[in-house]
Structures are given as structure tokens and as C-alpha cells.
Amino acid sequence: MLKTAAIIASGSLVTGTASASASESQQVHRGDSAAVGNGMVTAYATTASDGALSSLGVHFDKAVIDTLGEEEVAVPLAFPSEIAGGDALDCHQFTFVQFDYLPEGHWPEGVYDVPHLDTQFFMPDQSTVAGIEERPATYSIPQAQMPEDHIRPPVVDTTNDGEPDTPLVEAGRGEPIADPSASEHQEDGEFTHTHIYGATGPDGGGLGRISLFEPMVTIDYVDQLTTTVDTSLKTPTRYLAADKYPTSYVIQPDDDGGISVLLTDFKSFPAPVPGPRR
């Protein structure tokens, strides 16, 4: 079992998740930490022996989990910028992570309206995210940049005909991009843990882009978690910028009752195909 709090202190780990071989030595690089109640929440990154990024994560110790009650919590944390020796750490577009605890959950009603943690891995910087205002999402997102099986749920009636026709950009977050085939959206399904994307725009020419990866996990599930959960992501075929992007998320308990939430299995994706010249 990965004991992240001790690992962050020691600076190295041997990971036993499905994302990496149990014999592969990883280096842990600590980012921001913040006190939540009597505990600490910490952003971190892991790298392979060649310095390449292998995961981005957040560790919540048991005292944090035990603190969560009736009040909402929102904590932004910066990732580390350097590896051992002072070399720059390439976080592949990601700039910071924000953990939100929502004691009453959020919409859609009957799906996500239970106490849970949202761990939001953002690509825009904090000032850009803070400037996102609630409004209709009137930009377009190229199909190749939409994650497989995901949709932009229409929740805003911009034509005043009584029917929603446009997605909603949420303040300080972006537009949620969800998979309607996920288990929590089925008639007999249940929300335990899941992943949604977020989008922002326009980024020139009225185009939106994927800007957020967001694993979500209920407090009930955290309280009962005893083994590592490693879940593959449905991804786009292209992103706005050619780079490496995560293709899995991991929820990993430690021996002391805390958990880590990570993005893992970074793989290369191409940029959009250039349009015709005018």
C-alpha cells in the first residue's frame, strides 16, 4: 500500500498501482501544502529516473478527511516547479490543482448531490481561472478535441423557447464535459467515483478547448476504500496543444486513512490539424 505522507517526506517511492511497475523507482516532488482543519493537503508530482513526469497528485491525510463536515472547502495548490538538482519540472500544460469539498454536492440533482471531493487539475493559470465568469458557452469545440462518448450538456435557454440549448460556463471552473454512459447516469447506477472534463473559451475564433481534468469521489467511498482504484480515461484524439496528457486517474488509500488522487499514464497527443490557408 502506498503511504503517500511518508513518501512525500522521504522524496522517493516504489509505486504499486496498475499505472507503473512495482519495481520502477519514482521520485516524489512536493508542491504547495495547506492546512485543512487539523490535517494537511499536499500537491505533488512524481517523475521517473529520467526526470519525465509520471503523475500529478494531491494527498489528503486522515485528519483532513475527518475534518470535513457541513462547510464547503476550496483550496488551490501549486505543483512543484523543479526536480532534484534544480532542473525544471515539465507538468505538461498543467499549472495548479484545486480541491473542493462540497457537503451537499452539486447539480445534476440525484446524481452528484452527495458529499464529495472534486479534485480539479487546471491547465490555465490561477488568475485566468479566477476570471472565468458564469455565462452561456457559445463557443464551439472541434469534435477531435471532445473526449470519446462525452457531451456538452445543454442547460441554458438562450432563445427563450423554454428548452435548454446551450451549455453553461461555471464561474471559476469552466464548462463541464461529461460522459452520459458513466454508471452514475444510469437508472440503477450510483456515484462513487468518476471523472469529468472542463472546457473554456473562446481561445481565438470562438473556439473552446479542454482545460480541466476533474476526478470526483464521494466521502462514503473514501471511508470504505481499502485498495487502489486505477481507471482509464476516455480521451480526445487531439488537444489544442501537442503534448503529453493523462490517460488514467488513480484513487489510492494509505495505511493511515488518508488518500491520494492522481492523474497518471501520460501519453502524447497531437495538436489540431491546421485549417486551410485563406
Protein backbone atom coordinates (compact mmCIF):
# COMPACT_ATOMS: atom_id res chain seq x y z
CA MET A 1 0.00 0.00 0.00
CA LEU A 2 1.34 3.43 -0.96
CA LYS A 3 1.90 5.57 2.10
CA THR A 4 2.00 8.97 0.48
CA ALA A 5 2.59 11.17 3.52
CA ALA A 6 5.78 9.28 4.36
CA ILE A 7 6.75 9.17 0.69
CA ILE A 8 6.50 12.92 0.30
CA ALA A 9 8.78 13.34 3.29
CA SER A 10 11.34 10.84 2.00
CA GLY A 11 11.31 12.03 -1.60
CA SER A 12 11.12 8.63 -3.30
CA LEU A 13 8.65 5.82 -3.82
CA VAL A 14 8.04 2.49 -5.39
CA THR A 15 4.55 2.59 -6.84
CA GLY A 16 2.35 -0.46 -6.90
CA THR A 17 -0.52 0.88 -8.98
CA ALA A 18 -1.52 -0.56 -12.32
CA SER A 19 -0.06 2.57 -13.88
CA ALA A 20 3.54 1.56 -13.27
CA SER A 21 5.64 -1.45 -12.47
CA ALA A 22 6.11 -2.22 -8.79
CA SER A 23 9.88 -2.30 -9.41
CA GLU A 24 10.04 1.13 -11.03
CA SER A 25 11.56 3.67 -8.67
CA GLN A 26 9.84 7.06 -8.72
CA GLN A 27 10.89 10.40 -7.31
CA VAL A 28 8.32 12.49 -5.46
CA HIS A 29 8.43 16.28 -5.69
CA ARG A 30 6.38 18.26 -3.22
CA GLY A 31 4.34 21.30 -4.24
CA ASP A 32 2.13 23.51 -2.09
CA SER A 33 0.61 22.28 1.16
CA ALA A 34 -2.31 23.79 3.05
CA ALA A 35 -3.84 23.16 6.45
CA VAL A 36 -7.44 21.93 6.44
CA GLY A 37 -8.72 21.51 9.98
CA ASN A 38 -6.07 19.55 11.86
CA GLY A 39 -4.66 17.98 8.72
CA MET A 40 -2.71 18.83 5.60
CA VAL A 41 -3.45 18.56 1.90
CA THR A 42 -0.42 18.50 -0.42
CA ALA A 43 0.09 18.75 -4.18
CA TYR A 44 2.92 16.71 -5.62
CA ALA A 45 4.38 15.21 -8.77
CA THR A 46 6.29 12.01 -9.43
CA THR A 47 8.97 11.51 -12.04
CA ALA A 48 10.78 8.51 -13.49
CA SER A 49 14.55 8.08 -13.30
CA ASP A 50 15.00 10.15 -16.48
CA GLY A 51 13.08 13.08 -14.97
CA ALA A 52 9.95 12.55 -17.09
CA LEU A 53 6.65 13.25 -15.36
CA SER A 54 4.79 10.10 -14.34
CA SER A 55 1.93 11.53 -12.25
CA LEU A 56 0.41 14.65 -10.75
CA GLY A 57 -1.41 14.20 -7.48
CA VAL A 58 -2.91 15.52 -4.28
CA HIS A 59 -2.59 13.81 -0.91
CA PHE A 60 -5.22 14.25 1.79
CA ASP A 61 -4.18 12.96 5.19
CA LYS A 62 -6.66 11.29 7.55
CA ALA A 63 -7.08 14.42 9.67
CA VAL A 64 -8.30 16.28 6.57
CA ILE A 65 -10.85 13.57 5.77
CA ASP A 66 -12.02 13.56 9.42
CA THR A 67 -12.33 17.38 9.41
CA LEU A 68 -14.78 17.58 6.51
CA GLY A 69 -18.25 18.35 7.81
CA GLU A 70 -21.01 20.81 6.91
CA GLU A 71 -18.94 23.64 5.44
CA GLU A 72 -17.59 23.88 1.91
CA VAL A 73 -13.82 23.91 1.42
CA ALA A 74 -11.88 25.19 -1.61
CA VAL A 75 -8.08 25.07 -1.63
CA PRO A 76 -5.84 25.88 -4.65
CA LEU A 77 -2.35 24.36 -4.65
CA ALA A 78 0.62 24.89 -6.96
CA PHE A 79 2.52 21.94 -8.36
CA PRO A 80 6.29 21.76 -7.85
CA SER A 81 8.29 23.59 -10.49
CA GLU A 82 11.64 21.81 -10.07
CA ILE A 83 13.04 18.32 -9.63
CA ALA A 84 16.10 17.35 -7.60
CA GLY A 85 19.15 19.31 -8.71
CA GLY A 86 17.08 22.33 -9.70
CA ASP A 87 16.08 21.23 -13.19
CA ALA A 88 12.65 22.47 -14.32
CA LEU A 89 9.74 20.06 -13.98
CA ASP A 90 7.58 19.77 -17.08
CA CYS A 91 3.98 19.41 -15.89
CA HIS A 92 2.65 19.16 -19.46
CA GLN A 93 0.22 22.11 -19.62
CA PHE A 94 -1.00 21.72 -16.01
CA THR A 95 -0.45 24.74 -13.77
CA PHE A 96 -2.26 24.10 -10.47
CA VAL A 97 -4.80 21.91 -8.74
CA GLN A 98 -7.79 22.91 -6.62
CA PHE A 99 -9.53 20.61 -4.20
CA ASP A 100 -13.17 21.37 -3.39
CA TYR A 101 -15.20 19.66 -0.69
CA LEU A 102 -18.94 20.00 -1.27
CA PRO A 103 -21.03 18.74 1.68
CA GLU A 104 -24.26 18.93 -0.34
CA GLY A 105 -22.70 18.09 -3.71
CA HIS A 106 -23.84 19.92 -6.84
CA TRP A 107 -26.09 19.51 -9.86
CA PRO A 108 -27.40 17.39 -11.54
CA GLU A 109 -29.85 16.63 -8.76
CA GLY A 110 -29.98 12.96 -7.95
CA VAL A 111 -26.51 12.36 -9.42
CA TYR A 112 -23.80 14.45 -7.75
CA ASP A 113 -25.79 15.95 -4.86
CA VAL A 114 -23.99 13.95 -2.14
CA PRO A 115 -20.92 14.91 -0.06
CA HIS A 116 -17.83 14.50 -2.23
CA LEU A 117 -14.37 15.74 -3.17
CA ASP A 118 -13.71 17.42 -6.53
CA THR A 119 -10.01 17.43 -7.40
CA GLN A 120 -9.62 19.89 -10.27
CA PHE A 121 -6.40 19.74 -12.31
CA PHE A 122 -6.31 23.00 -14.30
CA MET A 123 -4.30 23.89 -17.40
CA PRO A 124 -4.99 27.69 -17.39
CA ASP A 125 -3.21 29.60 -14.62
CA GLN A 126 -4.96 30.65 -11.42
CA SER A 127 -5.63 34.24 -12.49
CA THR A 128 -7.26 33.05 -15.72
CA VAL A 129 -9.42 30.54 -13.87
CA ALA A 130 -10.40 33.13 -11.26
CA GLY A 131 -11.57 35.37 -14.11
CA ILE A 132 -13.96 32.81 -15.58
CA GLU A 133 -17.49 34.17 -15.21
CA GLU A 134 -20.77 32.29 -15.35
CA ARG A 135 -22.29 32.63 -18.82
CA PRO A 136 -23.64 30.59 -21.74
CA ALA A 137 -20.94 28.62 -23.57
CA THR A 138 -21.48 29.99 -27.06
CA TYR A 139 -18.12 28.86 -28.46
CA SER A 140 -17.63 25.60 -30.38
CA ILE A 141 -15.31 22.71 -29.55
CA PRO A 142 -13.86 20.75 -32.51
CA GLN A 143 -15.04 17.15 -32.49
CA ALA A 144 -11.49 15.76 -32.40
CA GLN A 145 -10.94 17.67 -29.14
CA MET A 146 -14.05 16.25 -27.48
CA PRO A 147 -13.35 13.23 -25.24
CA GLU A 148 -14.79 9.97 -26.56
CA ASP A 149 -18.50 9.48 -25.67
CA HIS A 150 -18.64 12.82 -23.82
CA ILE A 151 -21.18 15.55 -24.45
CA ARG A 152 -21.74 19.23 -23.75
CA PRO A 153 -24.99 19.14 -21.74
CA PRO A 154 -27.36 21.97 -22.76
CA VAL A 155 -28.51 23.67 -19.56
CA VAL A 156 -29.16 27.28 -20.62
CA ASP A 157 -32.16 28.55 -22.59
CA THR A 158 -30.68 31.34 -24.72
CA THR A 159 -33.59 31.50 -27.19
CA ASN A 160 -36.35 31.82 -24.56
CA ASP A 161 -38.32 28.94 -26.04
CA GLY A 162 -38.49 27.00 -22.80
CA GLU A 163 -35.84 24.47 -23.87
CA PRO A 164 -32.14 24.48 -22.92
CA ASP A 165 -29.97 24.89 -25.99
CA THR A 166 -26.51 25.95 -24.78
CA PRO A 167 -24.07 24.63 -22.15
CA LEU A 168 -23.22 26.70 -19.09
CA VAL A 169 -19.77 28.01 -18.19
CA GLU A 170 -19.48 27.83 -14.41
CA ALA A 171 -17.69 30.65 -12.62
CA GLY A 172 -14.12 29.87 -11.61
CA ARG A 173 -14.24 26.49 -13.30
CA GLY A 174 -15.49 26.27 -16.87
CA GLU A 175 -17.97 24.20 -18.82
CA PRO A 176 -18.49 20.62 -17.58
CA ILE A 177 -17.96 17.94 -20.24
CA ALA A 178 -19.49 14.64 -19.07
CA ASP A 179 -19.93 11.06 -20.21
CA PRO A 180 -23.64 10.15 -20.18
CA SER A 181 -22.74 6.45 -20.27
CA ALA A 182 -20.97 6.68 -16.89
CA SER A 183 -22.54 4.50 -14.21
CA GLU A 184 -23.89 7.40 -12.14
CA HIS A 185 -26.09 8.49 -15.05
CA GLN A 186 -27.79 5.09 -15.40
CA GLU A 187 -31.16 4.33 -13.82
CA ASP A 188 -29.68 1.78 -11.41
CA GLY A 189 -26.26 3.46 -11.21
CA GLU A 190 -24.53 5.08 -8.25
CA PHE A 191 -21.97 7.85 -7.94
CA THR A 192 -18.92 6.55 -6.07
CA HIS A 193 -16.08 7.99 -8.15
CA THR A 194 -15.95 9.39 -11.65
CA HIS A 195 -14.14 11.83 -13.91
CA ILE A 196 -15.39 14.82 -15.88
CA TYR A 197 -13.57 17.30 -18.08
CA GLY A 198 -13.93 21.06 -18.19
CA ALA A 199 -13.69 23.44 -21.13
CA THR A 200 -13.08 27.17 -21.52
CA GLY A 201 -13.19 29.56 -24.45
CA PRO A 202 -13.08 31.36 -26.68
CA ASP A 203 -9.39 30.96 -27.39
CA GLY A 204 -9.45 32.93 -30.62
CA GLY A 205 -12.01 32.47 -33.37
CA GLY A 206 -14.77 31.42 -30.96
CA LEU A 207 -13.24 28.01 -30.23
CA GLY A 208 -13.31 26.35 -26.84
CA ARG A 209 -10.79 23.85 -25.50
CA ILE A 210 -10.42 21.20 -22.82
CA SER A 211 -8.81 22.96 -19.86
CA LEU A 212 -9.62 20.83 -16.81
CA PHE A 213 -9.37 17.21 -15.65
CA GLU A 214 -11.55 16.51 -12.61
CA PRO A 215 -11.66 13.21 -10.70
CA MET A 216 -14.56 13.18 -8.23
CA VAL A 217 -15.05 10.80 -5.28
CA THR A 218 -17.73 10.58 -2.60
CA ILE A 219 -16.86 10.73 1.08
CA ASP A 220 -18.72 7.44 1.65
CA TYR A 221 -16.47 5.79 -0.92
CA VAL A 222 -13.33 7.29 0.63
CA ASP A 223 -14.36 5.99 4.06
CA GLN A 224 -14.67 2.44 2.71
CA LEU A 225 -11.70 2.44 0.32
CA THR A 226 -9.07 -0.22 1.09
CA THR A 227 -7.47 -0.87 -2.31
CA THR A 228 -6.14 1.28 -5.13
CA VAL A 229 -8.56 2.22 -7.91
CA ASP A 230 -6.97 2.85 -11.32
CA THR A 231 -9.42 3.99 -14.01
CA SER A 232 -8.71 4.63 -17.68
CA LEU A 233 -9.93 7.91 -19.13
CA LYS A 234 -11.86 8.34 -22.34
CA THR A 235 -9.82 10.96 -24.16
CA PRO A 236 -9.97 13.21 -27.20
CA THR A 237 -7.87 12.29 -30.21
CA ARG A 238 -6.29 15.75 -30.21
CA TYR A 239 -5.78 18.66 -27.82
CA LEU A 240 -5.29 22.36 -28.52
CA ALA A 241 -1.53 21.92 -27.98
CA ALA A 242 0.58 18.89 -28.86
CA ASP A 243 1.90 17.47 -25.57
CA LYS A 244 1.58 14.57 -23.15
CA TYR A 245 -1.76 14.25 -21.33
CA PRO A 246 -3.02 11.81 -18.66
CA THR A 247 -4.98 8.75 -19.72
CA SER A 248 -5.83 7.39 -16.23
CA TYR A 249 -6.78 8.61 -12.79
CA VAL A 250 -5.94 6.84 -9.54
CA ILE A 251 -7.53 6.97 -6.09
CA GLN A 252 -5.14 5.42 -3.61
CA PRO A 253 -5.61 4.93 0.15
CA ASP A 254 -2.68 4.96 2.55
CA ASP A 255 -2.17 2.97 5.73
CA ASP A 256 -3.19 5.87 7.97
CA GLY A 257 -6.63 6.56 6.49
CA GLY A 258 -5.65 9.28 4.03
CA ILE A 259 -5.91 9.14 0.25
CA SER A 260 -4.15 10.37 -2.86
CA VAL A 261 -5.91 11.38 -6.08
CA LEU A 262 -3.62 11.28 -9.13
CA LEU A 263 -3.54 11.76 -12.88
CA THR A 264 -1.28 9.14 -14.45
CA ASP A 265 -0.22 7.36 -17.64
CA PHE A 266 0.78 10.46 -19.61
CA LYS A 267 0.79 9.83 -23.36
CA SER A 268 1.49 12.01 -26.38
CA PHE A 269 -1.41 13.62 -28.26
CA PRO A 270 -1.21 15.75 -31.43
CA ALA A 271 -2.40 19.30 -31.92
CA PRO A 272 -5.36 20.10 -34.22
CA VAL A 273 -4.87 19.69 -37.95
CA PRO A 274 -4.22 23.16 -39.38
CA GLY A 275 -7.15 24.61 -41.31
CA PRO A 276 -6.90 25.79 -44.91
CA ARG A 277 -4.99 28.98 -45.57
CA ARG A 278 -7.01 31.98 -46.63
